[in-house]
Every structure is written in C-alpha cells, then in structure tokens.
Amino acid sequence: MAEKKEIIPPQYDVNAKWDDCLDVTVERFGYSSLGGAFVGLLLFRRPLSRWACVAFGAGIGIGSAYTQCSQLFGASPAKQPSPKFSESPDSHQGHD
C-alpha cells in the first residue's frame, strides 16, 4: 500500500521554522561571541573586561537571532502601543 503524505505549506510548517530559528540562534551566538572575544583580546588586558566583551557580543547575537525568529514566525519583536497625543486648543496658544 502506498502511504499518503501530506504536504504542509511553508507558512504553516512550524518544525522548519524552529529548525531555522535554532540554526540562526546558534550561528549568531557563536560568531558574535567570537567577535567579542577577539575585540576583548585586542583592547583589554584584564580578564574581567575580556569576559565582558564576550558577554556583550553574545547578547548582541541572541538579540539579533530573537529579532530574526520573531520575523520568521510573523510577529513583531516588540509590540508596544504607540503613544496617543490629544490636541487641545490651549497647547497651540502661548500663555500671555
């Protein structure tokens, strides 16, 4: 008997999205950590400062991967309500 395989459209294939997301996260975390380590070795002498550069680079990589994954899943990375300004007639006139 032939098995019937369902073809999932790419926009609904969650497994592929998670695979891409994990791949992007590991790649960006690794490269940015190595970049931070390189900058730390060039610029700083103290080990604490060097580790701070590595941590900063890792944070940049994870943040970049989070943004990419949010766009991949179709959501905005940060949904903040826009401020609402009310215009009153007094705000346009100067106080005499």
N, C-alpha and C. Protein backbone atom coordinates (compact mmCIF):
# COMPACT_ATOMS: atom_id res chain seq x y z
N MET A 1 0.84 -1.18 0.00
CA MET A 1 0.00 0.00 0.00
C MET A 1 0.88 1.24 0.00
N ALA A 2 0.45 2.21 -0.71
CA ALA A 2 1.18 3.48 -0.75
C ALA A 2 0.67 4.37 0.37
N GLU A 3 1.61 4.97 1.07
CA GLU A 3 1.22 5.87 2.14
C GLU A 3 0.92 7.24 1.57
N LYS A 4 -0.04 7.87 2.16
CA LYS A 4 -0.42 9.22 1.72
C LYS A 4 0.30 10.23 2.59
N LYS A 5 1.18 11.02 1.99
CA LYS A 5 1.92 12.05 2.73
C LYS A 5 1.27 13.39 2.49
N GLU A 6 1.08 14.10 3.57
CA GLU A 6 0.50 15.43 3.46
C GLU A 6 1.63 16.45 3.24
N ILE A 7 1.41 17.33 2.33
CA ILE A 7 2.37 18.39 2.07
C ILE A 7 1.91 19.64 2.83
N ILE A 8 2.77 20.09 3.71
CA ILE A 8 2.44 21.25 4.54
C ILE A 8 2.98 22.49 3.86
N PRO A 9 2.13 23.51 3.70
CA PRO A 9 2.63 24.77 3.13
C PRO A 9 3.72 25.38 4.01
N PRO A 10 4.70 26.06 3.40
CA PRO A 10 5.83 26.60 4.19
C PRO A 10 5.42 27.56 5.29
N GLN A 11 4.34 28.32 5.11
CA GLN A 11 3.97 29.29 6.15
C GLN A 11 3.38 28.61 7.38
N TYR A 12 2.99 27.32 7.26
CA TYR A 12 2.42 26.59 8.40
C TYR A 12 3.36 25.50 8.94
N ASP A 13 4.52 25.35 8.37
CA ASP A 13 5.45 24.32 8.80
C ASP A 13 6.26 24.83 9.99
N VAL A 14 5.75 24.55 11.18
CA VAL A 14 6.36 25.06 12.41
C VAL A 14 7.70 24.38 12.68
N ASN A 15 7.82 23.09 12.34
CA ASN A 15 9.09 22.40 12.58
C ASN A 15 10.23 23.03 11.78
N ALA A 16 9.97 23.37 10.54
CA ALA A 16 11.01 24.02 9.73
C ALA A 16 11.36 25.39 10.28
N LYS A 17 10.36 26.10 10.79
CA LYS A 17 10.63 27.42 11.37
C LYS A 17 11.50 27.29 12.62
N TRP A 18 11.20 26.31 13.47
CA TRP A 18 12.01 26.11 14.68
C TRP A 18 13.43 25.68 14.32
N ASP A 19 13.56 24.84 13.29
CA ASP A 19 14.90 24.45 12.86
C ASP A 19 15.70 25.66 12.39
N ASP A 20 15.07 26.51 11.59
CA ASP A 20 15.74 27.72 11.13
C ASP A 20 16.09 28.63 12.29
N CYS A 21 15.17 28.73 13.23
CA CYS A 21 15.38 29.61 14.39
C CYS A 21 16.57 29.13 15.24
N LEU A 22 16.63 27.84 15.52
CA LEU A 22 17.74 27.30 16.30
C LEU A 22 19.06 27.44 15.56
N ASP A 23 19.03 27.23 14.25
CA ASP A 23 20.23 27.38 13.45
C ASP A 23 20.74 28.82 13.49
N VAL A 24 19.85 29.78 13.33
CA VAL A 24 20.22 31.20 13.36
C VAL A 24 20.75 31.58 14.74
N THR A 25 20.09 31.09 15.79
CA THR A 25 20.49 31.43 17.16
C THR A 25 21.90 30.92 17.48
N VAL A 26 22.16 29.66 17.17
CA VAL A 26 23.48 29.09 17.46
C VAL A 26 24.56 29.79 16.64
N GLU A 27 24.26 30.03 15.37
CA GLU A 27 25.24 30.68 14.49
C GLU A 27 25.57 32.09 14.96
N ARG A 28 24.56 32.88 15.24
CA ARG A 28 24.81 34.28 15.63
C ARG A 28 25.41 34.37 17.03
N PHE A 29 24.99 33.49 17.93
CA PHE A 29 25.58 33.46 19.27
C PHE A 29 27.07 33.14 19.19
N GLY A 30 27.41 32.13 18.40
CA GLY A 30 28.81 31.73 18.28
C GLY A 30 29.68 32.79 17.63
N TYR A 31 29.22 33.31 16.49
CA TYR A 31 30.03 34.30 15.78
C TYR A 31 30.18 35.60 16.57
N SER A 32 29.11 36.04 17.21
CA SER A 32 29.22 37.30 17.95
C SER A 32 30.04 37.11 19.23
N SER A 33 29.98 35.93 19.83
CA SER A 33 30.84 35.66 21.00
C SER A 33 32.31 35.64 20.59
N LEU A 34 32.61 35.02 19.45
CA LEU A 34 33.98 35.03 18.96
C LEU A 34 34.44 36.44 18.61
N GLY A 35 33.56 37.21 18.03
CA GLY A 35 33.90 38.60 17.74
C GLY A 35 34.18 39.40 19.00
N GLY A 36 33.35 39.18 20.03
CA GLY A 36 33.58 39.85 21.31
C GLY A 36 34.89 39.41 21.95
N ALA A 37 35.21 38.13 21.83
CA ALA A 37 36.48 37.64 22.38
C ALA A 37 37.66 38.26 21.65
N PHE A 38 37.56 38.38 20.34
CA PHE A 38 38.64 38.98 19.56
C PHE A 38 38.84 40.45 19.94
N VAL A 39 37.74 41.18 20.05
CA VAL A 39 37.84 42.60 20.44
C VAL A 39 38.38 42.72 21.85
N GLY A 40 37.95 41.83 22.75
CA GLY A 40 38.45 41.86 24.12
C GLY A 40 39.94 41.58 24.21
N LEU A 41 40.41 40.66 23.37
CA LEU A 41 41.85 40.38 23.36
C LEU A 41 42.65 41.55 22.82
N LEU A 42 42.10 42.25 21.85
CA LEU A 42 42.82 43.38 21.27
C LEU A 42 42.82 44.61 22.17
N LEU A 43 41.73 44.87 22.85
CA LEU A 43 41.58 46.15 23.54
C LEU A 43 41.85 46.10 25.05
N PHE A 44 41.65 44.96 25.69
CA PHE A 44 41.71 44.93 27.15
C PHE A 44 42.76 43.95 27.64
N ARG A 45 43.27 44.24 28.85
CA ARG A 45 44.27 43.39 29.46
C ARG A 45 43.68 42.53 30.57
N ARG A 46 42.71 43.06 31.27
CA ARG A 46 42.14 42.34 32.41
C ARG A 46 41.15 41.28 31.93
N PRO A 47 41.16 40.10 32.54
CA PRO A 47 40.25 39.02 32.12
C PRO A 47 38.78 39.38 32.29
N LEU A 48 38.48 40.16 33.31
CA LEU A 48 37.08 40.54 33.53
C LEU A 48 36.56 41.40 32.38
N SER A 49 37.38 42.30 31.91
CA SER A 49 36.98 43.14 30.77
C SER A 49 36.84 42.31 29.51
N ARG A 50 37.69 41.33 29.35
CA ARG A 50 37.59 40.46 28.18
C ARG A 50 36.31 39.64 28.21
N TRP A 51 35.98 39.12 29.38
CA TRP A 51 34.74 38.34 29.50
C TRP A 51 33.52 39.23 29.30
N ALA A 52 33.63 40.47 29.71
CA ALA A 52 32.52 41.41 29.49
C ALA A 52 32.30 41.62 27.99
N CYS A 53 33.37 41.69 27.22
CA CYS A 53 33.25 41.82 25.76
C CYS A 53 32.60 40.58 25.15
N VAL A 54 32.98 39.42 25.65
CA VAL A 54 32.38 38.18 25.15
C VAL A 54 30.89 38.15 25.47
N ALA A 55 30.53 38.54 26.69
CA ALA A 55 29.12 38.55 27.09
C ALA A 55 28.33 39.57 26.28
N PHE A 56 28.92 40.72 26.03
CA PHE A 56 28.25 41.74 25.23
C PHE A 56 28.02 41.23 23.80
N GLY A 57 29.03 40.60 23.23
CA GLY A 57 28.88 40.04 21.89
C GLY A 57 27.82 38.95 21.85
N ALA A 58 27.79 38.10 22.87
CA ALA A 58 26.78 37.04 22.93
C ALA A 58 25.38 37.64 23.04
N GLY A 59 25.25 38.70 23.80
CA GLY A 59 23.95 39.35 23.93
C GLY A 59 23.47 39.95 22.62
N ILE A 60 24.41 40.53 21.88
CA ILE A 60 24.06 41.08 20.58
C ILE A 60 23.61 39.96 19.64
N GLY A 61 24.30 38.84 19.68
CA GLY A 61 23.94 37.71 18.83
C GLY A 61 22.57 37.14 19.16
N ILE A 62 22.29 36.99 20.45
CA ILE A 62 21.00 36.45 20.86
C ILE A 62 19.88 37.43 20.52
N GLY A 63 20.13 38.71 20.73
CA GLY A 63 19.10 39.71 20.38
C GLY A 63 18.82 39.75 18.89
N SER A 64 19.86 39.63 18.10
CA SER A 64 19.70 39.61 16.65
C SER A 64 18.94 38.36 16.22
N ALA A 65 19.25 37.22 16.82
CA ALA A 65 18.55 35.98 16.49
C ALA A 65 17.08 36.05 16.93
N TYR A 66 16.82 36.67 18.06
CA TYR A 66 15.43 36.82 18.53
C TYR A 66 14.61 37.65 17.55
N THR A 67 15.21 38.72 17.05
CA THR A 67 14.52 39.56 16.07
C THR A 67 14.24 38.77 14.80
N GLN A 68 15.22 38.02 14.33
CA GLN A 68 15.05 37.23 13.12
C GLN A 68 13.97 36.17 13.31
N CYS A 69 13.97 35.50 14.47
CA CYS A 69 12.97 34.46 14.73
C CYS A 69 11.57 35.05 14.86
N SER A 70 11.47 36.21 15.45
CA SER A 70 10.17 36.86 15.57
C SER A 70 9.61 37.20 14.19
N GLN A 71 10.46 37.66 13.30
CA GLN A 71 10.02 37.95 11.94
C GLN A 71 9.68 36.66 11.20
N LEU A 72 10.39 35.59 11.47
CA LEU A 72 10.14 34.31 10.83
C LEU A 72 8.77 33.75 11.22
N PHE A 73 8.41 33.93 12.48
CA PHE A 73 7.11 33.44 12.94
C PHE A 73 5.98 34.43 12.67
N GLY A 74 6.30 35.57 12.08
CA GLY A 74 5.26 36.50 11.67
C GLY A 74 4.81 37.46 12.74
N ALA A 75 5.61 37.64 13.76
CA ALA A 75 5.25 38.57 14.83
C ALA A 75 6.27 39.70 14.88
N SER A 76 5.86 40.79 15.44
CA SER A 76 6.77 41.90 15.65
C SER A 76 7.60 41.60 16.88
N PRO A 77 8.91 41.94 16.90
CA PRO A 77 9.74 41.63 18.05
C PRO A 77 9.29 42.33 19.33
N ALA A 78 8.76 43.51 19.20
CA ALA A 78 8.29 44.25 20.38
C ALA A 78 7.03 45.01 19.99
N LYS A 79 5.92 44.54 20.50
CA LYS A 79 4.66 45.22 20.20
C LYS A 79 4.33 46.16 21.34
N GLN A 80 4.67 47.40 21.15
CA GLN A 80 4.39 48.41 22.14
C GLN A 80 3.33 49.34 21.59
N PRO A 81 2.38 49.71 22.41
CA PRO A 81 1.36 50.63 21.90
C PRO A 81 1.97 52.00 21.62
N SER A 82 1.54 52.59 20.53
CA SER A 82 2.05 53.91 20.21
C SER A 82 1.40 54.94 21.13
N PRO A 83 2.15 55.95 21.52
CA PRO A 83 1.59 56.96 22.41
C PRO A 83 0.50 57.75 21.70
N LYS A 84 -0.54 58.04 22.43
CA LYS A 84 -1.64 58.81 21.87
C LYS A 84 -1.55 60.23 22.40
N PHE A 85 -1.53 61.16 21.47
CA PHE A 85 -1.44 62.56 21.84
C PHE A 85 -2.79 63.21 21.58
N SER A 86 -3.27 63.91 22.56
CA SER A 86 -4.52 64.65 22.35
C SER A 86 -4.17 66.11 22.13
N GLU A 87 -4.78 66.66 21.13
CA GLU A 87 -4.53 68.06 20.83
C GLU A 87 -5.62 68.90 21.49
N SER A 88 -5.19 69.76 22.35
CA SER A 88 -6.14 70.68 22.98
C SER A 88 -5.88 72.07 22.42
N PRO A 89 -6.90 72.90 22.37
CA PRO A 89 -6.71 74.23 21.81
C PRO A 89 -5.72 75.08 22.60
N ASP A 90 -5.54 74.79 23.89
CA ASP A 90 -4.63 75.57 24.72
C ASP A 90 -3.17 75.25 24.43
N SER A 91 -2.89 74.07 23.91
CA SER A 91 -1.50 73.69 23.70
C SER A 91 -0.86 74.43 22.54
N HIS A 92 -1.65 74.93 21.60
CA HIS A 92 -1.10 75.66 20.45
C HIS A 92 -0.95 77.15 20.71
N GLN A 93 -1.61 77.66 21.72
CA GLN A 93 -1.55 79.09 22.00
C GLN A 93 -0.55 79.35 23.11
N GLY A 94 0.15 80.45 22.99
CA GLY A 94 1.12 80.83 24.02
C GLY A 94 0.41 81.44 25.21
N HIS A 95 1.02 81.33 26.37
CA HIS A 95 0.44 81.94 27.57
C HIS A 95 0.88 83.39 27.65
N ASP A 96 -0.08 84.28 27.75
CA ASP A 96 0.22 85.71 27.81
C ASP A 96 0.24 86.22 29.21
